[in-house]
Amino acid sequence: MDLLLNNKSVLVTASSKGLGRATALEYAREGARVTIASRNLEHLEEAYEVIKQETGQSVNRVQLDVTNPADIAAAVSSAATAGGGLDVLVTNAGGPPGGSFEDFDDAAWSAAFQSNLMSVIRLTREALPYLRSGQGGRIVNLSSISIKQPIQDLILSNVFRAGVYALTKSLATEFGKDHILVNTVAPGRISTDRIKQLDERVAQAKQLSPEEVESQFLTQIPLGRYGTPEEFARAVVFLGSFANTYVTGQALLVDGGMIKSL
């Protein structure tokens, strides 16, 4: 299938590692003009080299703290300059710390709000004029399966990821007239550093090994394994492509069947 992404301009945030980098790499494979963004310059350069080696394409890169409005404006502007406009926005940010309700004070709640919800709002606001000026744009918000089923000891993520999905639904309605499609892709147990850290945290709390924790999760996944970043990225890239012409306002769970709710 031709995803109609050749020479399209794409910005992927938090894309120096994990799901973001896998997504940026997949867009580059499809011939898009990709901008990657991250706070960590060293990791950003590593991602640049990986994508160049894998695809033969150079990608634009920009330092970005998603909690900083000035950084967001600069990143969107850089992507538009490098790509001759902006056709696709993929929002992503590192997950907030794990813990239960009584573990967090106002500062922790505020930090998670800025990083995981306000960043999406600000990125969308900055990208919207560019997305409107083309022949329709695509926004894909990376989230979590907690939008369908809260995850124990991840209360900050549960609350603000749900907010991102509510924003996705609302924007799909508002932006439909502009031919801008807005969707959410929610990872389950995908093999990334984030999931490894969460498994280690559970293991420590339950006095188990990380391998035992993983085995417990595998009993909940019909496919019997954790997913790969590449599998997740392919789902993102389809929804954030121009082969997708009629799917908007939706949440796609990439979880191997882990969430059983209708």
C-alpha atoms as a PDB file:
ATOM      1  CA  MET A   1       0.000   0.000   0.000  1.00  0.00           C
ATOM      2  CA  ASP A   2       1.234   3.461  -0.883  1.00  0.00           C
ATOM      3  CA  LEU A   3       0.790   5.610   2.216  1.00  0.00           C
ATOM      4  CA  LEU A   4       1.174   8.777   0.110  1.00  0.00           C
ATOM      5  CA  LEU A   5       3.827  10.184   2.419  1.00  0.00           C
ATOM      6  CA  ASN A   6       6.605  10.853  -0.057  1.00  0.00           C
ATOM      7  CA  ASN A   7       7.951  14.374   0.555  1.00  0.00           C
ATOM      8  CA  LYS A   8       5.318  15.067   3.210  1.00  0.00           C
ATOM      9  CA  SER A   9       6.581  17.088   6.168  1.00  0.00           C
ATOM     10  CA  VAL A  10       6.312  15.275   9.516  1.00  0.00           C
ATOM     11  CA  LEU A  11       7.171  16.362  13.060  1.00  0.00           C
ATOM     12  CA  VAL A  12       7.543  13.656  15.715  1.00  0.00           C
ATOM     13  CA  THR A  13       8.193  14.841  19.257  1.00  0.00           C
ATOM     14  CA  ALA A  14      10.084  12.897  21.947  1.00  0.00           C
ATOM     15  CA  SER A  15      11.601  10.951  19.081  1.00  0.00           C
ATOM     16  CA  SER A  16      15.170  10.295  20.174  1.00  0.00           C
ATOM     17  CA  LYS A  17      14.309   6.916  21.700  1.00  0.00           C
ATOM     18  CA  GLY A  18      11.606   4.297  22.027  1.00  0.00           C
ATOM     19  CA  LEU A  19       8.239   4.655  20.342  1.00  0.00           C
ATOM     20  CA  GLY A  20       8.980   8.155  19.051  1.00  0.00           C
ATOM     21  CA  ARG A  21      12.182   7.122  17.320  1.00  0.00           C
ATOM     22  CA  ALA A  22      10.552   4.021  15.836  1.00  0.00           C
ATOM     23  CA  THR A  23       7.758   6.218  14.472  1.00  0.00           C
ATOM     24  CA  ALA A  24      10.156   8.755  12.975  1.00  0.00           C
ATOM     25  CA  LEU A  25      12.146   5.938  11.389  1.00  0.00           C
ATOM     26  CA  GLU A  26       9.017   4.463   9.797  1.00  0.00           C
ATOM     27  CA  TYR A  27       8.029   7.839   8.368  1.00  0.00           C
ATOM     28  CA  ALA A  28      11.515   8.245   6.913  1.00  0.00           C
ATOM     29  CA  ARG A  29      11.205   4.807   5.294  1.00  0.00           C
ATOM     30  CA  GLU A  30       8.043   6.066   3.579  1.00  0.00           C
ATOM     31  CA  GLY A  31       9.924   9.001   2.070  1.00  0.00           C
ATOM     32  CA  ALA A  32       8.633  11.732   4.366  1.00  0.00           C
ATOM     33  CA  ARG A  33      10.648  14.801   5.317  1.00  0.00           C
ATOM     34  CA  VAL A  34      10.988  14.092   9.019  1.00  0.00           C
ATOM     35  CA  THR A  35      11.844  16.374  11.911  1.00  0.00           C
ATOM     36  CA  ILE A  36      12.819  14.664  15.152  1.00  0.00           C
ATOM     37  CA  ALA A  37      12.772  16.494  18.474  1.00  0.00           C
ATOM     38  CA  SER A  38      14.036  15.761  21.981  1.00  0.00           C
ATOM     39  CA  ARG A  39      15.440  17.475  25.069  1.00  0.00           C
ATOM     40  CA  ASN A  40      18.567  15.304  25.028  1.00  0.00           C
ATOM     41  CA  LEU A  41      20.943  16.390  22.261  1.00  0.00           C
ATOM     42  CA  GLU A  42      23.124  13.300  22.584  1.00  0.00           C
ATOM     43  CA  HIS A  43      20.174  10.962  22.127  1.00  0.00           C
ATOM     44  CA  LEU A  44      18.892  13.170  19.315  1.00  0.00           C
ATOM     45  CA  GLU A  45      22.152  12.773  17.405  1.00  0.00           C
ATOM     46  CA  GLU A  46      22.066   9.012  17.990  1.00  0.00           C
ATOM     47  CA  ALA A  47      18.542   8.863  16.555  1.00  0.00           C
ATOM     48  CA  TYR A  48      19.642  10.932  13.573  1.00  0.00           C
ATOM     49  CA  GLU A  49      22.451   8.479  12.824  1.00  0.00           C
ATOM     50  CA  VAL A  50      20.212   5.431  13.224  1.00  0.00           C
ATOM     51  CA  ILE A  51      17.571   6.819  10.866  1.00  0.00           C
ATOM     52  CA  LYS A  52      20.166   7.899   8.317  1.00  0.00           C
ATOM     53  CA  GLN A  53      21.833   4.474   8.397  1.00  0.00           C
ATOM     54  CA  GLU A  54      18.525   2.608   8.135  1.00  0.00           C
ATOM     55  CA  THR A  55      16.920   4.738   5.418  1.00  0.00           C
ATOM     56  CA  GLY A  56      19.690   6.725   3.746  1.00  0.00           C
ATOM     57  CA  GLN A  57      17.753   9.880   4.568  1.00  0.00           C
ATOM     58  CA  SER A  58      18.881  12.821   6.644  1.00  0.00           C
ATOM     59  CA  VAL A  59      16.275  14.118   9.055  1.00  0.00           C
ATOM     60  CA  ASN A  60      15.934  17.555  10.537  1.00  0.00           C
ATOM     61  CA  ARG A  61      16.490  17.644  14.288  1.00  0.00           C
ATOM     62  CA  VAL A  62      15.640  20.212  16.916  1.00  0.00           C
ATOM     63  CA  GLN A  63      16.054  20.373  20.681  1.00  0.00           C
ATOM     64  CA  LEU A  64      12.672  20.467  22.377  1.00  0.00           C
ATOM     65  CA  ASP A  65      11.404  20.533  25.937  1.00  0.00           C
ATOM     66  CA  VAL A  66       7.681  19.884  25.499  1.00  0.00           C
ATOM     67  CA  THR A  67       6.899  21.848  28.653  1.00  0.00           C
ATOM     68  CA  ASN A  68       8.463  25.005  27.182  1.00  0.00           C
ATOM     69  CA  PRO A  69       6.097  27.008  24.918  1.00  0.00           C
ATOM     70  CA  ALA A  70       8.991  28.786  23.193  1.00  0.00           C
ATOM     71  CA  ASP A  71      10.634  25.444  22.376  1.00  0.00           C
ATOM     72  CA  ILE A  72       7.362  24.168  20.933  1.00  0.00           C
ATOM     73  CA  ALA A  73       6.965  27.194  18.681  1.00  0.00           C
ATOM     74  CA  ALA A  74      10.568  26.869  17.508  1.00  0.00           C
ATOM     75  CA  ALA A  75      10.236  23.131  16.817  1.00  0.00           C
ATOM     76  CA  VAL A  76       7.092  23.545  14.718  1.00  0.00           C
ATOM     77  CA  SER A  77       8.678  26.425  12.809  1.00  0.00           C
ATOM     78  CA  SER A  78      11.842  24.376  12.198  1.00  0.00           C
ATOM     79  CA  ALA A  79       9.824  21.425  10.897  1.00  0.00           C
ATOM     80  CA  ALA A  80       7.842  23.685   8.574  1.00  0.00           C
ATOM     81  CA  THR A  81      10.996  25.331   7.250  1.00  0.00           C
ATOM     82  CA  ALA A  82      12.814  22.042   6.709  1.00  0.00           C
ATOM     83  CA  GLY A  83       9.803  20.293   5.190  1.00  0.00           C
ATOM     84  CA  GLY A  84       8.320  23.098   3.136  1.00  0.00           C
ATOM     85  CA  GLY A  85       5.277  23.229   5.406  1.00  0.00           C
ATOM     86  CA  LEU A  86       3.867  20.743   7.898  1.00  0.00           C
ATOM     87  CA  ASP A  87       1.543  17.916   6.939  1.00  0.00           C
ATOM     88  CA  VAL A  88       1.685  15.561   9.916  1.00  0.00           C
ATOM     89  CA  LEU A  89       2.089  16.150  13.657  1.00  0.00           C
ATOM     90  CA  VAL A  90       2.840  13.230  15.962  1.00  0.00           C
ATOM     91  CA  THR A  91       2.715  14.262  19.618  1.00  0.00           C
ATOM     92  CA  ASN A  92       4.646  12.251  22.155  1.00  0.00           C
ATOM     93  CA  ALA A  93       6.155  12.851  25.591  1.00  0.00           C
ATOM     94  CA  GLY A  94       7.809  10.760  28.248  1.00  0.00           C
ATOM     95  CA  GLY A  95       5.425   9.162  30.703  1.00  0.00           C
ATOM     96  CA  PRO A  96       5.012  10.663  34.177  1.00  0.00           C
ATOM     97  CA  PRO A  97       6.357   8.831  37.234  1.00  0.00           C
ATOM     98  CA  GLY A  98       4.513   5.860  38.624  1.00  0.00           C
ATOM     99  CA  GLY A  99       2.651   6.042  41.924  1.00  0.00           C
ATOM    100  CA  SER A 100      -0.758   6.187  43.597  1.00  0.00           C
ATOM    101  CA  PHE A 101      -2.901   9.181  44.553  1.00  0.00           C
ATOM    102  CA  GLU A 102      -1.276   9.896  47.910  1.00  0.00           C
ATOM    103  CA  ASP A 103       2.242   9.815  46.444  1.00  0.00           C
ATOM    104  CA  PHE A 104       1.919  13.119  44.589  1.00  0.00           C
ATOM    105  CA  ASP A 105       1.687  16.753  45.606  1.00  0.00           C
ATOM    106  CA  ASP A 106       0.503  19.722  43.548  1.00  0.00           C
ATOM    107  CA  ALA A 107       3.897  20.149  41.913  1.00  0.00           C
ATOM    108  CA  ALA A 108       3.866  16.575  40.577  1.00  0.00           C
ATOM    109  CA  TRP A 109       0.329  16.962  39.233  1.00  0.00           C
ATOM    110  CA  SER A 110       1.238  20.248  37.585  1.00  0.00           C
ATOM    111  CA  ALA A 111       4.380  18.801  36.002  1.00  0.00           C
ATOM    112  CA  ALA A 112       2.461  15.857  34.525  1.00  0.00           C
ATOM    113  CA  PHE A 113      -0.249  18.201  33.251  1.00  0.00           C
ATOM    114  CA  GLN A 114       2.321  20.371  31.479  1.00  0.00           C
ATOM    115  CA  SER A 115       4.253  17.457  30.004  1.00  0.00           C
ATOM    116  CA  ASN A 116       1.460  15.130  28.967  1.00  0.00           C
ATOM    117  CA  LEU A 117      -1.559  17.304  28.194  1.00  0.00           C
ATOM    118  CA  MET A 118      -0.571  20.948  27.736  1.00  0.00           C
ATOM    119  CA  SER A 119       2.247  19.886  25.407  1.00  0.00           C
ATOM    120  CA  VAL A 120      -0.312  18.341  23.041  1.00  0.00           C
ATOM    121  CA  ILE A 121      -2.497  21.437  23.220  1.00  0.00           C
ATOM    122  CA  ARG A 122       0.411  23.780  22.489  1.00  0.00           C
ATOM    123  CA  LEU A 123       1.862  21.645  19.710  1.00  0.00           C
ATOM    124  CA  THR A 124      -1.538  21.454  18.026  1.00  0.00           C
ATOM    125  CA  ARG A 125      -2.070  25.201  18.350  1.00  0.00           C
ATOM    126  CA  GLU A 126       1.297  25.941  16.735  1.00  0.00           C
ATOM    127  CA  ALA A 127       0.888  23.346  13.981  1.00  0.00           C
ATOM    128  CA  LEU A 128      -2.703  24.187  13.063  1.00  0.00           C
ATOM    129  CA  PRO A 129      -2.011  27.070  10.633  1.00  0.00           C
ATOM    130  CA  TYR A 130       0.394  24.866   8.656  1.00  0.00           C
ATOM    131  CA  LEU A 131      -1.939  21.860   8.675  1.00  0.00           C
ATOM    132  CA  ARG A 132      -4.800  24.033   7.450  1.00  0.00           C
ATOM    133  CA  SER A 133      -2.768  25.606   4.667  1.00  0.00           C
ATOM    134  CA  GLY A 134      -2.167  22.262   2.959  1.00  0.00           C
ATOM    135  CA  GLN A 135      -4.661  19.834   1.483  1.00  0.00           C
ATOM    136  CA  GLY A 136      -5.609  18.489   4.894  1.00  0.00           C
ATOM    137  CA  GLY A 137      -3.315  17.354   7.665  1.00  0.00           C
ATOM    138  CA  ARG A 138      -2.934  14.540  10.135  1.00  0.00           C
ATOM    139  CA  ILE A 139      -2.456  14.615  13.921  1.00  0.00           C
ATOM    140  CA  VAL A 140      -1.626  11.457  15.861  1.00  0.00           C
ATOM    141  CA  ASN A 141      -1.374  11.643  19.634  1.00  0.00           C
ATOM    142  CA  LEU A 142       0.610   8.863  21.316  1.00  0.00           C
ATOM    143  CA  SER A 143      -1.073   7.836  24.518  1.00  0.00           C
ATOM    144  CA  SER A 144      -1.579   4.673  26.606  1.00  0.00           C
ATOM    145  CA  ILE A 145      -4.043   1.823  27.055  1.00  0.00           C
ATOM    146  CA  SER A 146      -4.973   3.589  30.306  1.00  0.00           C
ATOM    147  CA  ILE A 147      -7.415   5.654  28.207  1.00  0.00           C
ATOM    148  CA  LYS A 148      -9.578   2.520  28.198  1.00  0.00           C
ATOM    149  CA  GLN A 149      -8.617   0.898  31.488  1.00  0.00           C
ATOM    150  CA  PRO A 150      -6.732   2.614  34.339  1.00  0.00           C
ATOM    151  CA  ILE A 151      -3.396   1.051  35.198  1.00  0.00           C
ATOM    152  CA  GLN A 152      -2.594   0.442  38.847  1.00  0.00           C
ATOM    153  CA  ASP A 153       0.000   2.825  40.328  1.00  0.00           C
ATOM    154  CA  LEU A 154       0.059   5.046  37.226  1.00  0.00           C
ATOM    155  CA  ILE A 155      -2.519   7.603  38.343  1.00  0.00           C
ATOM    156  CA  LEU A 156      -0.845  10.600  36.687  1.00  0.00           C
ATOM    157  CA  SER A 157      -0.727   8.822  33.351  1.00  0.00           C
ATOM    158  CA  ASN A 158      -4.298   7.533  33.764  1.00  0.00           C
ATOM    159  CA  VAL A 159      -5.684  11.031  34.235  1.00  0.00           C
ATOM    160  CA  PHE A 160      -3.755  12.991  31.631  1.00  0.00           C
ATOM    161  CA  ARG A 161      -3.710  10.326  28.908  1.00  0.00           C
ATOM    162  CA  ALA A 162      -7.503  10.256  29.194  1.00  0.00           C
ATOM    163  CA  GLY A 163      -7.427  14.019  28.736  1.00  0.00           C
ATOM    164  CA  VAL A 164      -5.440  13.596  25.524  1.00  0.00           C
ATOM    165  CA  TYR A 165      -8.059  11.190  24.184  1.00  0.00           C
ATOM    166  CA  ALA A 166     -10.854  13.636  25.068  1.00  0.00           C
ATOM    167  CA  LEU A 167      -8.902  16.334  23.231  1.00  0.00           C
ATOM    168  CA  THR A 168      -8.500  14.013  20.235  1.00  0.00           C
ATOM    169  CA  LYS A 169     -12.250  13.406  20.050  1.00  0.00           C
ATOM    170  CA  SER A 170     -13.000  17.115  20.336  1.00  0.00           C
ATOM    171  CA  LEU A 171     -10.451  18.202  17.735  1.00  0.00           C
ATOM    172  CA  ALA A 172     -11.601  15.566  15.248  1.00  0.00           C
ATOM    173  CA  THR A 173     -15.017  17.224  15.329  1.00  0.00           C
ATOM    174  CA  GLU A 174     -13.691  20.781  15.145  1.00  0.00           C
ATOM    175  CA  PHE A 175     -11.087  20.179  12.444  1.00  0.00           C
ATOM    176  CA  GLY A 176     -13.094  17.883  10.176  1.00  0.00           C
ATOM    177  CA  LYS A 177     -14.146  20.826   8.027  1.00  0.00           C
ATOM    178  CA  ASP A 178     -10.449  21.532   7.414  1.00  0.00           C
ATOM    179  CA  HIS A 179      -9.824  17.921   6.305  1.00  0.00           C
ATOM    180  CA  ILE A 180      -7.535  17.389   9.305  1.00  0.00           C
ATOM    181  CA  LEU A 181      -7.795  13.895  10.759  1.00  0.00           C
ATOM    182  CA  VAL A 182      -6.994  13.488  14.464  1.00  0.00           C
ATOM    183  CA  ASN A 183      -6.436  10.131  16.167  1.00  0.00           C
ATOM    184  CA  THR A 184      -4.821   8.549  19.215  1.00  0.00           C
ATOM    185  CA  VAL A 185      -2.632   5.449  19.224  1.00  0.00           C
ATOM    186  CA  ALA A 186      -2.318   3.743  22.597  1.00  0.00           C
ATOM    187  CA  PRO A 187       0.516   1.308  23.340  1.00  0.00           C
ATOM    188  CA  GLY A 188       0.170  -1.626  25.677  1.00  0.00           C
ATOM    189  CA  ARG A 189       3.197  -3.628  26.764  1.00  0.00           C
ATOM    190  CA  ILE A 190       5.674  -2.568  24.100  1.00  0.00           C
ATOM    191  CA  SER A 191       9.363  -3.393  24.665  1.00  0.00           C
ATOM    192  CA  THR A 192      10.837   0.016  25.476  1.00  0.00           C
ATOM    193  CA  ASP A 193      12.996   1.442  28.254  1.00  0.00           C
ATOM    194  CA  ARG A 194       9.821   2.906  29.808  1.00  0.00           C
ATOM    195  CA  ILE A 195       8.155  -0.513  30.120  1.00  0.00           C
ATOM    196  CA  LYS A 196      11.375  -2.031  31.444  1.00  0.00           C
ATOM    197  CA  GLN A 197      11.521   0.636  34.162  1.00  0.00           C
ATOM    198  CA  LEU A 198       7.866   0.116  35.080  1.00  0.00           C
ATOM    199  CA  ASP A 199       8.357  -3.660  35.279  1.00  0.00           C
ATOM    200  CA  GLU A 200      11.395  -3.153  37.509  1.00  0.00           C
ATOM    201  CA  ARG A 201       9.362  -0.870  39.771  1.00  0.00           C
ATOM    202  CA  VAL A 202       6.610  -3.485  40.116  1.00  0.00           C
ATOM    203  CA  ALA A 203       9.219  -6.181  40.703  1.00  0.00           C
ATOM    204  CA  GLN A 204      10.778  -4.212  43.537  1.00  0.00           C
ATOM    205  CA  ALA A 205       7.406  -3.498  45.149  1.00  0.00           C
ATOM    206  CA  LYS A 206       6.317  -7.153  44.971  1.00  0.00           C
ATOM    207  CA  GLN A 207       9.762  -8.609  45.707  1.00  0.00           C
ATOM    208  CA  LEU A 208       9.826 -10.420  42.386  1.00  0.00           C
ATOM    209  CA  SER A 209      12.283 -10.523  39.519  1.00  0.00           C
ATOM    210  CA  PRO A 210      11.552  -8.426  36.416  1.00  0.00           C
ATOM    211  CA  GLU A 211      11.234 -11.702  34.499  1.00  0.00           C
ATOM    212  CA  GLU A 212       8.498 -12.864  36.860  1.00  0.00           C
ATOM    213  CA  VAL A 213       6.655  -9.581  36.434  1.00  0.00           C
ATOM    214  CA  GLU A 214       6.838  -9.923  32.662  1.00  0.00           C
ATOM    215  CA  SER A 215       5.512 -13.480  32.882  1.00  0.00           C
ATOM    216  CA  GLN A 216       2.522 -12.234  34.856  1.00  0.00           C
ATOM    217  CA  PHE A 217       1.742  -9.625  32.214  1.00  0.00           C
ATOM    218  CA  LEU A 218       2.108 -12.178  29.432  1.00  0.00           C
ATOM    219  CA  THR A 219      -0.781 -14.178  30.889  1.00  0.00           C
ATOM    220  CA  GLN A 220      -2.994 -11.152  30.130  1.00  0.00           C
ATOM    221  CA  ILE A 221      -1.881 -10.785  26.494  1.00  0.00           C
ATOM    222  CA  PRO A 222      -3.530 -13.175  23.993  1.00  0.00           C
ATOM    223  CA  LEU A 223      -0.531 -12.963  21.636  1.00  0.00           C
ATOM    224  CA  GLY A 224       1.705 -14.084  24.491  1.00  0.00           C
ATOM    225  CA  ARG A 225       4.478 -11.525  24.095  1.00  0.00           C
ATOM    226  CA  TYR A 226       5.334  -7.851  24.405  1.00  0.00           C
ATOM    227  CA  GLY A 227       5.075  -5.858  21.209  1.00  0.00           C
ATOM    228  CA  THR A 228       7.961  -4.190  19.388  1.00  0.00           C
ATOM    229  CA  PRO A 229       8.361  -0.456  18.760  1.00  0.00           C
ATOM    230  CA  GLU A 230       8.322  -1.215  15.022  1.00  0.00           C
ATOM    231  CA  GLU A 231       4.899  -2.866  15.260  1.00  0.00           C
ATOM    232  CA  PHE A 232       3.555   0.128  17.135  1.00  0.00           C
ATOM    233  CA  ALA A 233       5.098   2.604  14.691  1.00  0.00           C
ATOM    234  CA  ARG A 234       3.425   1.006  11.681  1.00  0.00           C
ATOM    235  CA  ALA A 235       0.008   1.631  13.246  1.00  0.00           C
ATOM    236  CA  VAL A 236       0.892   5.264  13.946  1.00  0.00           C
ATOM    237  CA  VAL A 237       2.177   5.876  10.451  1.00  0.00           C
ATOM    238  CA  PHE A 238      -0.922   4.478   8.777  1.00  0.00           C
ATOM    239  CA  LEU A 239      -3.269   6.684  10.810  1.00  0.00           C
ATOM    240  CA  GLY A 240      -0.936   9.631  10.253  1.00  0.00           C
ATOM    241  CA  SER A 241      -0.765   9.076   6.509  1.00  0.00           C
ATOM    242  CA  PHE A 242      -2.736  10.148   3.486  1.00  0.00           C
ATOM    243  CA  ALA A 243      -3.781   6.586   2.738  1.00  0.00           C
ATOM    244  CA  ASN A 244      -5.992   7.120   5.784  1.00  0.00           C
ATOM    245  CA  THR A 245      -8.825   9.262   4.472  1.00  0.00           C
ATOM    246  CA  TYR A 246     -11.793   8.428   6.725  1.00  0.00           C
ATOM    247  CA  VAL A 247     -10.600   7.407  10.193  1.00  0.00           C
ATOM    248  CA  THR A 248     -10.686  10.274  12.680  1.00  0.00           C
ATOM    249  CA  GLY A 249     -11.475  10.764  16.367  1.00  0.00           C
ATOM    250  CA  GLN A 250     -10.488   7.198  17.144  1.00  0.00           C
ATOM    251  CA  ALA A 251      -8.214   5.430  19.607  1.00  0.00           C
ATOM    252  CA  LEU A 252      -6.281   2.454  18.269  1.00  0.00           C
ATOM    253  CA  LEU A 253      -4.921   0.154  20.971  1.00  0.00           C
ATOM    254  CA  VAL A 254      -1.701  -1.600  19.996  1.00  0.00           C
ATOM    255  CA  ASP A 255      -1.669  -4.068  22.863  1.00  0.00           C
ATOM    256  CA  GLY A 256      -1.767  -7.621  21.529  1.00  0.00           C
ATOM    257  CA  GLY A 257      -5.371  -7.930  22.757  1.00  0.00           C
ATOM    258  CA  MET A 258      -4.541  -7.099  26.383  1.00  0.00           C
ATOM    259  CA  ILE A 259      -7.522  -4.771  26.983  1.00  0.00           C
ATOM    260  CA  LYS A 260     -10.739  -6.778  26.852  1.00  0.00           C
ATOM    261  CA  SER A 261     -13.320  -3.984  27.171  1.00  0.00           C
ATOM    262  CA  LEU A 262     -15.691  -3.277  24.285  1.00  0.00           C
END
